[in-house]
Protein backbone atom coordinates (compact mmCIF):
# COMPACT_ATOMS: atom_id res chain seq x y z
CA MET A 1 0.00 -0.01 -0.01
CA THR A 2 1.44 3.38 -1.05
CA ARG A 3 1.61 5.94 1.74
CA CYS A 4 2.45 9.63 1.87
CA PRO A 5 6.00 10.27 3.08
CA CYS A 6 4.61 12.03 6.15
CA GLU A 7 2.65 8.87 7.13
CA GLU A 8 5.77 6.73 7.08
CA GLU A 9 7.45 9.27 9.39
CA VAL A 10 4.47 9.23 11.69
CA LEU A 11 4.38 5.45 11.83
CA LYS A 12 8.07 5.35 12.80
CA LYS A 13 7.12 7.44 15.86
CA ILE A 14 3.83 5.76 16.89
CA ARG A 15 4.38 2.03 16.15
CA PRO A 16 5.11 0.16 19.40
CA THR A 17 8.65 -1.08 19.45
CA PRO A 18 9.25 -4.83 19.33
CA GLU A 19 10.61 -4.59 22.90
CA GLU A 20 7.43 -2.75 24.02
CA ARG A 21 5.13 -5.32 22.43
CA THR A 22 7.09 -8.23 23.96
CA TYR A 23 7.14 -6.62 27.41
CA VAL A 24 3.48 -5.77 27.53
CA ARG A 25 2.38 -9.17 26.20
CA ALA A 26 4.64 -10.94 28.69
CA ILE A 27 3.04 -9.12 31.60
CA GLY A 28 -0.42 -9.86 30.17
CA GLN A 29 0.38 -13.54 29.84
CA GLN A 30 1.63 -13.69 33.43
CA LEU A 31 -1.65 -12.15 34.62
CA ILE A 32 -3.70 -14.62 32.55
CA GLU A 33 -1.86 -17.55 34.00
CA ALA A 34 -2.26 -16.20 37.53
CA VAL A 35 -6.05 -15.87 37.02
CA GLU A 36 -6.40 -19.34 35.56
CA ARG A 37 -4.27 -20.93 38.30
CA SER A 38 -6.99 -19.87 40.71
CA GLY A 39 -9.47 -22.26 39.07
CA LYS A 40 -12.15 -19.55 39.46
CA ALA A 41 -12.15 -18.11 35.90
CA LYS A 42 -10.62 -18.12 32.47
CA ALA A 43 -8.82 -14.94 31.37
CA MET A 44 -7.87 -13.09 28.20
CA MET A 45 -6.30 -9.80 27.17
CA VAL A 46 -8.67 -7.47 25.41
CA GLY A 47 -8.42 -3.96 23.94
CA SER A 48 -5.80 -2.44 21.68
CA VAL A 49 -2.83 -4.25 23.28
CA ALA A 50 -4.44 -7.64 22.56
CA ARG A 51 -5.26 -6.50 19.02
CA ASP A 52 -1.82 -4.97 18.38
CA THR A 53 -3.37 -1.59 17.55
CA PHE A 54 -2.02 0.45 20.44
CA VAL A 55 -0.02 3.66 19.85
CA ARG A 56 3.49 3.64 21.29
CA GLY A 57 3.35 4.62 24.93
CA ASP A 58 -0.36 3.95 25.33
CA ARG A 59 0.18 0.70 27.23
CA ASP A 60 -3.03 0.32 29.24
CA LEU A 61 -3.59 -3.39 29.62
CA ASP A 62 -7.06 -4.85 30.16
CA VAL A 63 -7.32 -8.40 31.43
CA PHE A 64 -10.83 -9.79 31.51
CA MET A 65 -11.68 -12.58 33.97
CA LEU A 66 -14.44 -14.75 32.50
CA PHE A 67 -16.70 -16.31 35.12
CA ASP A 68 -19.45 -18.93 34.83
CA PRO A 69 -22.72 -17.28 33.61
CA ALA A 70 -24.55 -19.30 36.28
CA LEU A 71 -23.22 -16.89 38.96
CA SER A 72 -25.57 -14.14 40.14
CA ARG A 73 -24.47 -10.54 39.64
CA GLU A 74 -23.73 -10.34 43.39
CA GLU A 75 -21.62 -13.48 43.22
CA LEU A 76 -19.78 -12.20 40.10
CA GLN A 77 -18.98 -8.95 41.87
CA GLU A 78 -17.88 -10.64 45.08
CA GLU A 79 -15.77 -13.37 43.53
CA GLY A 80 -14.44 -11.10 40.74
CA LEU A 81 -13.22 -8.45 43.10
CA ALA A 82 -11.75 -10.94 45.52
CA LEU A 83 -9.78 -12.59 42.69
CA ALA A 84 -8.67 -9.25 41.28
CA HIS A 85 -7.44 -8.13 44.69
CA ARG A 86 -5.53 -11.38 45.08
CA ILE A 87 -3.91 -11.10 41.63
CA ALA A 88 -2.88 -7.49 42.23
CA GLU A 89 -1.36 -8.35 45.63
CA GLU A 90 0.43 -11.35 44.14
CA PHE A 91 2.20 -8.96 41.73
CA GLY A 92 2.94 -6.49 44.53
CA ALA A 93 0.79 -3.85 42.90
CA THR A 94 -0.85 -0.75 44.25
CA TRP A 95 -4.53 -1.05 43.34
CA ARG A 96 -7.89 0.69 43.64
CA GLU A 97 -11.47 -0.28 42.95
CA LYS A 98 -13.22 1.51 40.10
CA TYR A 99 -16.81 1.43 38.97
CA ALA A 100 -18.34 1.05 35.49
CA GLU A 101 -21.50 -1.07 35.17
CA HIS A 102 -20.02 -3.06 38.00
CA PRO A 103 -16.81 -2.77 40.06
CA TYR A 104 -13.37 -3.76 38.77
CA VAL A 105 -9.79 -3.31 39.99
CA ASN A 106 -7.26 -0.92 38.47
CA ALA A 107 -3.64 -1.66 39.37
CA THR A 108 -0.16 -0.42 38.52
CA ILE A 109 2.05 -3.43 37.76
CA ASN A 110 5.60 -3.04 36.39
CA SER A 111 4.80 0.52 35.26
CA LEU A 112 1.77 -0.64 33.30
CA ASP A 113 -1.79 0.55 34.01
CA ILE A 114 -3.80 -2.67 34.42
CA ASP A 115 -7.57 -3.17 34.59
CA LEU A 116 -8.66 -6.53 36.02
CA VAL A 117 -12.33 -6.79 34.99
CA PRO A 118 -14.74 -9.60 35.95
CA CYS A 119 -17.27 -10.56 33.33
CA TYR A 120 -19.45 -13.52 32.23
CA ALA A 121 -18.17 -16.13 29.81
CA VAL A 122 -21.31 -16.03 27.65
CA ALA A 123 -21.61 -18.02 24.42
CA SER A 124 -22.37 -15.01 22.21
CA ALA A 125 -22.54 -11.24 22.45
CA THR A 126 -26.33 -11.38 22.08
CA GLU A 127 -26.53 -13.23 25.42
CA ILE A 128 -24.60 -10.68 27.50
CA LYS A 129 -25.67 -10.09 31.05
CA SER A 130 -23.63 -6.89 31.42
CA ALA A 131 -22.05 -4.46 28.95
CA VAL A 132 -18.51 -5.65 29.65
CA ASP A 133 -19.38 -9.21 28.54
CA ARG A 134 -19.34 -7.92 24.98
CA THR A 135 -15.69 -6.82 25.05
CA PRO A 136 -14.08 -10.29 24.57
CA PHE A 137 -16.18 -10.74 21.40
CA HIS A 138 -14.84 -7.34 20.11
CA THR A 139 -11.27 -8.55 20.58
CA ARG A 140 -11.94 -11.84 18.84
CA TYR A 141 -13.71 -10.14 15.94
CA ILE A 142 -10.90 -7.62 15.33
CA LEU A 143 -8.19 -10.27 15.57
CA GLY A 144 -10.08 -12.26 12.93
CA HIS A 145 -10.43 -9.32 10.54
CA ILE A 146 -7.59 -6.86 11.11
CA GLY A 147 -5.32 -8.53 8.51
CA SER A 148 -2.73 -6.01 7.34
CA TYR A 149 -4.59 -2.96 8.58
CA ALA A 150 -2.82 -2.49 11.96
CA ASP A 151 -0.75 0.44 10.67
CA ASP A 152 -3.87 2.02 9.15
CA VAL A 153 -5.60 1.83 12.57
CA LEU A 154 -2.55 3.44 14.22
CA LEU A 155 -2.67 6.29 11.71
CA PHE A 156 -6.42 6.74 12.22
CA LYS A 157 -6.03 6.80 16.01
CA GLN A 158 -3.16 9.29 15.98
CA PHE A 159 -5.02 11.42 13.40
CA ALA A 160 -8.13 11.45 15.62
CA LYS A 161 -6.16 12.11 18.82
CA SER A 162 -4.30 15.01 17.31
CA GLY A 163 -7.61 16.37 15.97
CA GLY A 164 -9.22 16.16 19.40
CA VAL A 165 -11.91 13.68 18.25
CA TYR A 166 -10.56 10.47 19.84
CA GLY A 167 -12.25 9.08 22.91
CA SER A 168 -15.78 7.89 23.54
CA ASP A 169 -16.01 9.35 27.03
CA HIS A 170 -18.88 11.81 27.65
CA MET A 171 -16.53 14.81 27.80
CA THR A 172 -15.03 14.11 24.31
CA GLU A 173 -17.95 12.39 22.55
CA GLY A 174 -15.55 11.12 19.87
CA PHE A 175 -14.28 7.92 18.25
CA SER A 176 -13.55 4.87 20.43
CA GLY A 177 -10.61 2.63 19.66
CA TYR A 178 -12.99 -0.14 18.57
CA LEU A 179 -14.87 2.26 16.29
CA CYS A 180 -11.53 3.22 14.69
CA GLU A 181 -10.77 -0.43 14.06
CA ILE A 182 -14.21 -1.27 12.62
CA LEU A 183 -14.16 1.73 10.28
CA THR A 184 -10.67 0.93 9.02
CA ILE A 185 -11.64 -2.69 8.34
CA HIS A 186 -14.87 -1.71 6.67
CA TYR A 187 -13.35 0.84 4.28
CA GLY A 188 -10.16 -1.12 3.68
CA GLY A 189 -7.53 1.23 5.07
CA PHE A 190 -6.79 4.75 6.27
CA HIS A 191 -6.99 6.55 2.92
CA PRO A 192 -10.24 4.90 1.74
CA LEU A 193 -11.71 5.73 5.15
CA LEU A 194 -10.79 9.43 4.80
CA ARG A 195 -12.19 9.57 1.23
CA ALA A 196 -15.46 8.08 2.42
CA ALA A 197 -15.65 10.30 5.58
CA ALA A 198 -15.14 13.39 3.47
CA CYS A 199 -18.62 12.68 1.99
CA TRP A 200 -20.43 11.60 5.17
CA LYS A 201 -23.88 13.03 5.98
CA PRO A 202 -25.87 12.84 9.18
CA GLY A 203 -27.49 9.44 9.55
CA GLU A 204 -24.68 7.55 7.68
CA VAL A 205 -25.18 3.80 8.27
CA ILE A 206 -22.39 1.20 8.23
CA ASP A 207 -23.38 -2.44 8.77
CA ILE A 208 -20.18 -4.45 8.17
CA GLU A 209 -21.91 -7.86 8.75
CA GLU A 210 -25.20 -6.79 7.10
CA HIS A 211 -27.28 -7.50 10.16
CA GLY A 212 -29.92 -4.88 9.13
CA THR A 213 -32.07 -5.64 12.14
CA LYS A 214 -32.42 -2.38 14.06
CA GLU A 215 -32.66 1.34 13.22
CA PHE A 216 -30.81 4.06 15.16
CA GLU A 217 -31.13 7.84 15.10
CA ASP A 218 -27.54 8.76 15.91
CA PRO A 219 -25.42 10.97 13.56
CA LEU A 220 -23.24 8.01 12.57
CA VAL A 221 -24.55 4.44 12.84
CA VAL A 222 -22.04 1.61 12.85
CA ILE A 223 -23.81 -1.63 13.73
CA ASP A 224 -21.69 -3.74 16.04
CA PRO A 225 -20.60 -6.80 14.02
CA VAL A 226 -20.98 -8.97 17.15
CA ASP A 227 -24.17 -7.44 18.50
CA PRO A 228 -26.74 -6.10 15.99
CA GLU A 229 -28.65 -4.35 18.80
CA ARG A 230 -25.80 -1.91 19.41
CA ASN A 231 -24.44 1.14 17.57
CA VAL A 232 -20.67 1.27 18.04
CA ALA A 233 -20.77 5.02 17.26
CA ALA A 234 -23.51 5.89 19.76
CA ALA A 235 -21.13 8.10 21.83
CA LEU A 236 -20.08 10.14 18.74
CA SER A 237 -21.65 13.58 18.70
CA LEU A 238 -22.64 15.41 15.52
CA SER A 239 -19.97 18.01 16.22
CA ARG A 240 -17.10 15.53 16.63
CA MET A 241 -18.32 13.62 13.55
CA PHE A 242 -18.10 16.71 11.34
CA GLU A 243 -14.85 17.89 12.89
CA PHE A 244 -13.48 14.55 11.62
CA VAL A 245 -15.09 15.10 8.25
CA GLU A 246 -13.44 18.54 8.08
CA LEU A 247 -10.05 17.00 9.02
CA ALA A 248 -10.42 14.29 6.37
CA ARG A 249 -11.14 16.82 3.70
CA GLY A 250 -8.24 19.04 4.79
CA TYR A 251 -5.77 16.12 4.90
CA LEU A 252 -6.79 14.75 1.51
CA ALA A 253 -6.30 18.22 0.01
CA ALA A 254 -2.92 18.80 1.65
CA PRO A 255 -1.35 15.88 3.54
CA SER A 256 0.93 17.03 6.33
CA GLU A 257 2.47 15.65 9.52
CA ALA A 258 0.77 18.55 11.32
CA PHE A 259 -2.44 16.43 11.23
CA PHE A 260 -0.82 13.84 13.43
CA CYS A 261 1.18 15.90 15.98
CA ARG A 262 -0.65 19.11 16.83
CA PRO A 263 1.20 20.63 19.80
CA PRO A 264 -1.03 21.41 22.81
CA SER A 265 -1.97 25.07 23.13
CA PRO A 266 -0.70 26.57 26.38
CA PRO A 267 -3.45 28.03 28.55
CA LEU A 268 -3.94 31.78 28.58
CA THR A 269 -2.64 33.86 31.44
CA HIS A 270 -5.16 35.74 33.62
CA GLU A 271 -4.08 39.01 32.02
CA VAL A 272 -4.49 37.83 28.44
CA PHE A 273 -7.84 36.18 29.33
CA ALA A 274 -9.12 39.51 30.79
CA ARG A 275 -7.94 41.41 27.72
CA LEU A 276 -9.55 39.04 25.24
CA LEU A 277 -12.80 38.95 27.21
CA ALA A 278 -13.00 42.75 27.28
CA ALA A 279 -12.43 42.87 23.52
CA ARG A 280 -15.33 40.58 22.89
CA GLY A 281 -17.79 42.87 24.68
CA THR A 282 -19.83 39.87 25.91
CA HIS A 283 -20.56 38.89 29.49
CA LEU A 284 -19.07 35.74 30.96
CA PHE A 285 -20.49 34.01 34.04
CA SER A 286 -19.23 30.87 35.81
CA ILE A 287 -21.02 28.55 38.27
CA THR A 288 -18.74 26.30 40.34
CA PHE A 289 -19.67 23.64 42.89
CA GLY A 290 -18.23 20.44 44.34
CA THR A 291 -17.78 17.50 41.97
CA PRO A 292 -20.31 14.71 42.69
CA ASP A 293 -18.63 11.47 43.78
CA TYR A 294 -19.52 9.55 40.59
CA THR A 295 -17.73 8.62 37.36
CA PRO A 296 -17.46 11.12 34.48
CA ASP A 297 -19.84 8.93 32.46
CA THR A 298 -22.52 9.71 35.04
CA VAL A 299 -21.62 13.32 35.95
CA VAL A 300 -20.79 14.87 32.57
CA PRO A 301 -24.20 14.24 30.99
CA GLN A 302 -25.81 15.72 34.06
CA LEU A 303 -23.60 18.79 33.82
CA ARG A 304 -24.71 19.31 30.22
CA LYS A 305 -28.35 18.82 31.06
CA SER A 306 -28.06 21.33 33.97
CA ALA A 307 -26.24 23.91 31.80
CA ASP A 308 -28.88 23.56 29.06
CA SER A 309 -31.69 24.03 31.60
CA ILE A 310 -29.98 27.10 33.13
CA ARG A 311 -29.42 28.50 29.63
CA GLU A 312 -33.14 28.18 28.89
CA LEU A 313 -33.90 29.96 32.19
CA LEU A 314 -31.49 32.78 31.30
CA GLU A 315 -33.00 33.20 27.85
CA ARG A 316 -36.57 33.17 29.15
CA SER A 317 -35.46 35.90 31.56
CA GLY A 318 -34.10 38.11 28.82
CA PHE A 319 -30.40 37.14 28.85
CA PRO A 320 -29.58 35.53 25.45
CA ALA A 321 -26.58 33.20 25.45
CA SER A 322 -23.87 33.08 22.86
CA ARG A 323 -22.20 29.84 24.05
CA ILE A 324 -22.15 27.55 27.08
CA ASP A 325 -19.87 24.70 28.12
CA VAL A 326 -19.15 22.49 31.14
CA CYS A 327 -16.11 20.95 32.82
CA MET A 328 -15.76 18.25 35.45
CA GLY A 329 -12.71 18.83 37.59
CA LYS A 330 -11.33 16.54 40.26
CA GLU A 331 -12.66 18.65 43.14
CA ARG A 332 -15.03 21.08 41.45
CA CYS A 333 -17.24 21.40 38.39
CA MET A 334 -17.70 24.56 36.28
CA LEU A 335 -20.61 25.68 34.12
CA LEU A 336 -19.60 28.53 31.82
CA PHE A 337 -22.06 30.92 30.17
CA GLU A 338 -21.29 33.69 27.66
CA LEU A 339 -24.22 36.03 27.52
CA MET A 340 -24.99 38.82 25.07
CA ALA A 341 -26.42 41.03 27.87
CA GLU A 342 -25.89 41.16 31.67
CA THR A 343 -28.76 43.51 32.51
CA VAL A 344 -32.23 44.00 31.19
CA PRO A 345 -34.96 46.62 31.79
CA VAL A 346 -37.31 46.16 34.66
CA MET A 347 -40.24 46.00 32.22
CA ARG A 348 -40.84 42.93 30.01
CA ARG A 349 -43.58 42.36 27.47
CA HIS A 350 -45.65 39.22 27.88
CA ILE A 351 -47.61 38.16 24.83
CA GLY A 352 -50.96 36.52 25.60
CA PRO A 353 -53.37 34.53 23.52
CA PRO A 354 -55.35 35.86 20.53
CA LEU A 355 -58.80 37.10 21.41
CA SER A 356 -60.18 34.69 18.83
CA THR A 357 -59.48 31.90 21.36
CA ARG A 358 -62.17 33.21 23.66
CA GLU A 359 -61.73 30.91 26.67
CA ASN A 360 -57.94 31.38 26.87
CA ALA A 361 -58.23 35.13 26.29
CA GLU A 362 -60.76 35.55 29.12
CA LYS A 363 -58.53 33.58 31.52
CA PHE A 364 -55.56 35.78 30.58
CA LEU A 365 -57.54 38.94 31.12
CA ALA A 366 -58.92 37.73 34.47
CA LYS A 367 -55.44 36.85 35.71
CA TYR A 368 -53.60 40.06 34.78
CA VAL A 369 -56.33 42.61 35.32
CA GLN A 370 -55.92 42.02 39.06
CA GLU A 371 -52.08 42.15 39.16
CA GLU A 372 -49.73 45.10 39.40
CA VAL A 373 -48.49 45.73 35.85
CA PHE A 374 -46.83 48.60 33.98
CA ALA A 375 -49.47 48.46 31.29
CA GLY A 376 -52.22 46.20 29.98
CA PRO A 377 -53.64 43.87 29.32
CA TYR A 378 -54.22 45.63 25.97
CA VAL A 379 -54.98 44.32 22.51
CA GLU A 380 -52.25 44.44 19.81
CA ASP A 381 -52.69 42.81 16.45
CA GLY A 382 -55.57 40.71 17.78
CA ARG A 383 -53.69 39.37 20.89
CA TYR A 384 -53.52 40.40 24.50
CA VAL A 385 -50.23 41.93 25.65
CA VAL A 386 -49.25 42.85 29.16
CA GLU A 387 -46.13 44.72 30.40
CA LEU A 388 -44.87 43.18 33.63
CA PRO A 389 -42.03 43.88 36.12
CA ARG A 390 -39.12 41.43 36.03
CA ARG A 391 -37.98 39.64 39.15
CA TYR A 392 -34.32 39.80 38.09
CA THR A 393 -32.75 42.58 36.00
CA ARG A 394 -29.15 41.32 36.46
CA ALA A 395 -28.06 37.92 35.24
CA VAL A 396 -25.73 37.48 38.21
CA ASP A 397 -28.63 37.85 40.67
CA LEU A 398 -30.63 35.19 38.84
CA LEU A 399 -27.67 32.79 38.81
CA ARG A 400 -27.16 33.30 42.53
CA SER A 401 -30.83 32.72 43.31
CA LYS A 402 -32.63 29.54 44.32
CA THR A 403 -34.67 29.89 41.14
CA LEU A 404 -31.97 27.60 39.62
CA PHE A 405 -33.56 24.75 41.58
CA ASP A 406 -36.83 25.24 39.70
CA VAL A 407 -35.26 24.02 36.43
CA ALA A 408 -34.27 20.46 35.38
CA LEU A 409 -30.84 20.06 36.95
CA GLY A 410 -29.16 16.64 36.90
CA LYS A 411 -29.88 14.65 40.11
CA HIS A 412 -26.32 14.60 41.36
CA VAL A 413 -25.63 18.17 40.27
CA ARG A 414 -28.71 19.37 42.15
CA ARG A 415 -27.52 17.53 45.29
CA SER A 416 -24.07 19.05 45.03
CA MET A 417 -25.35 22.60 44.37
CA LYS A 418 -27.63 22.27 47.47
CA GLN A 419 -24.35 22.25 49.44
CA GLY A 420 -23.50 25.60 47.87
CA TRP A 421 -22.39 27.14 44.55
CA THR A 422 -20.32 30.14 43.57
CA VAL A 423 -21.08 32.55 40.75
CA LYS A 424 -18.45 34.81 39.26
CA ALA A 425 -18.63 37.33 36.44
CA GLY A 426 -16.30 38.69 33.79
CA ALA A 427 -12.56 38.46 34.44
CA GLU A 428 -13.30 37.04 37.89
CA CYS A 429 -14.32 33.79 36.18
CA TRP A 430 -10.63 33.01 35.73
CA ASP A 431 -9.71 29.98 37.86
CA GLU A 432 -6.33 28.19 37.70
CA GLU A 433 -7.99 24.79 38.20
CA PHE A 434 -9.96 25.41 34.98
CA ALA A 435 -7.34 27.39 33.04
CA VAL A 436 -7.16 24.97 30.07
CA PHE A 437 -10.99 24.68 29.89
CA ILE A 438 -11.52 28.45 30.01
CA SER A 439 -8.78 29.15 27.53
CA ARG A 440 -10.27 26.69 25.02
CA PHE A 441 -13.71 28.18 25.54
CA LEU A 442 -12.47 31.63 24.62
CA ASP A 443 -10.11 30.54 21.83
CA ARG A 444 -12.43 28.09 20.19
CA ALA A 445 -11.61 26.92 16.64
CA SER A 446 -12.23 23.81 14.54
CA PRO A 447 -9.36 21.29 14.38
CA LEU A 448 -8.65 22.15 10.72
CA ALA A 449 -8.73 25.92 11.38
CA ARG A 450 -6.04 25.40 14.07
CA ILE A 451 -3.86 23.37 11.69
CA LYS A 452 -4.18 25.95 8.92
CA ARG A 453 -3.19 28.69 11.34
CA LEU A 454 -0.27 26.59 12.52
CA THR A 455 1.00 25.70 9.06
CA GLY A 456 0.00 28.93 7.28
CA LYS A 457 -1.70 26.95 4.52
């Protein structure tokens, strides 16, 4: 397969070295043998290390412990964690419990980040009892179909990482490693994939095994070859999908190593942030509160839901928003709102029903004729209109009020905010803990726009 010169250079940098492959696989094999010596479960390596599609340095090793499906979920959790603890201690590792659909153990063994995950040894992916049961089937499928495409997958992963669209976590909403592998196999390599992606439209459907049994409404639909009830691309947002489309078009037009190694942008300083914010003439507000004690997959969607609800409240109250964003920090979370106005007049117009809808019009009149108003109700173009006093004329007062609890906040966000929240405005929004997040918010640009600025092309 003919590659651009820049791709060969990139591959020299990102291919795992033979020594790295041997080392990681040896540790994995030792862990598998330790699990199977227990007589409690079978074991296998899964993920990119097992499939030989990991980028140099990304040596996270996942070892799945496959238990008898006859065990109850409680027994799986109890026996799985006990075995994982024993294995970690046998290797002298520091370990901690983590939680996905059910608990697993994360350990550091010989400088490698290891996940020891209990799951059921089901006969097929359509018989899974928990989401993790599907993963061994993914590994087997990719190993059976990857052929000569391992380098193509590495290029795709590095291309997506550099473009900021790699990762299926709720903060990124991008491409998972498994999705990268499936797409590469389906299209027959990195270049055919880019050419196809350059023409993608919302609702694109890829069904590599031609299951054709279920319809999805996601921006990109990639039917899981081992489970026709699942869309592998379900986590991919429309924005990340078309950032990748943009990158594909840009690279095909002018291939460059810059698409694979974009340097991270340093965060702004407080002084530069204040200067840029003043130049925009908009009004920035931040809400911060303690981070709920749950995983990002649980918290981040709730942050987005809460920010959307608060945005709707602001706009109903006369404060139109330009942009909003959220960030989950280790100790605190931040919701960021850029508004087009920070104050509004005391008076607001409230449009009522047309008088042609007699019952509604009479109810409106009866309600407001008894209230203190600036004017009205009066008839304008066949409808009732009334001019009312606002409760809040400053956005900051609204954001500091308990009115926030009247909107649809995420459950854990609401509970955290009940313990207290802080609202800051303008340059005071600057916070060292969120320096990168705030900088990216203010200096937002598409991946291709950043590359073009960097290369001057």
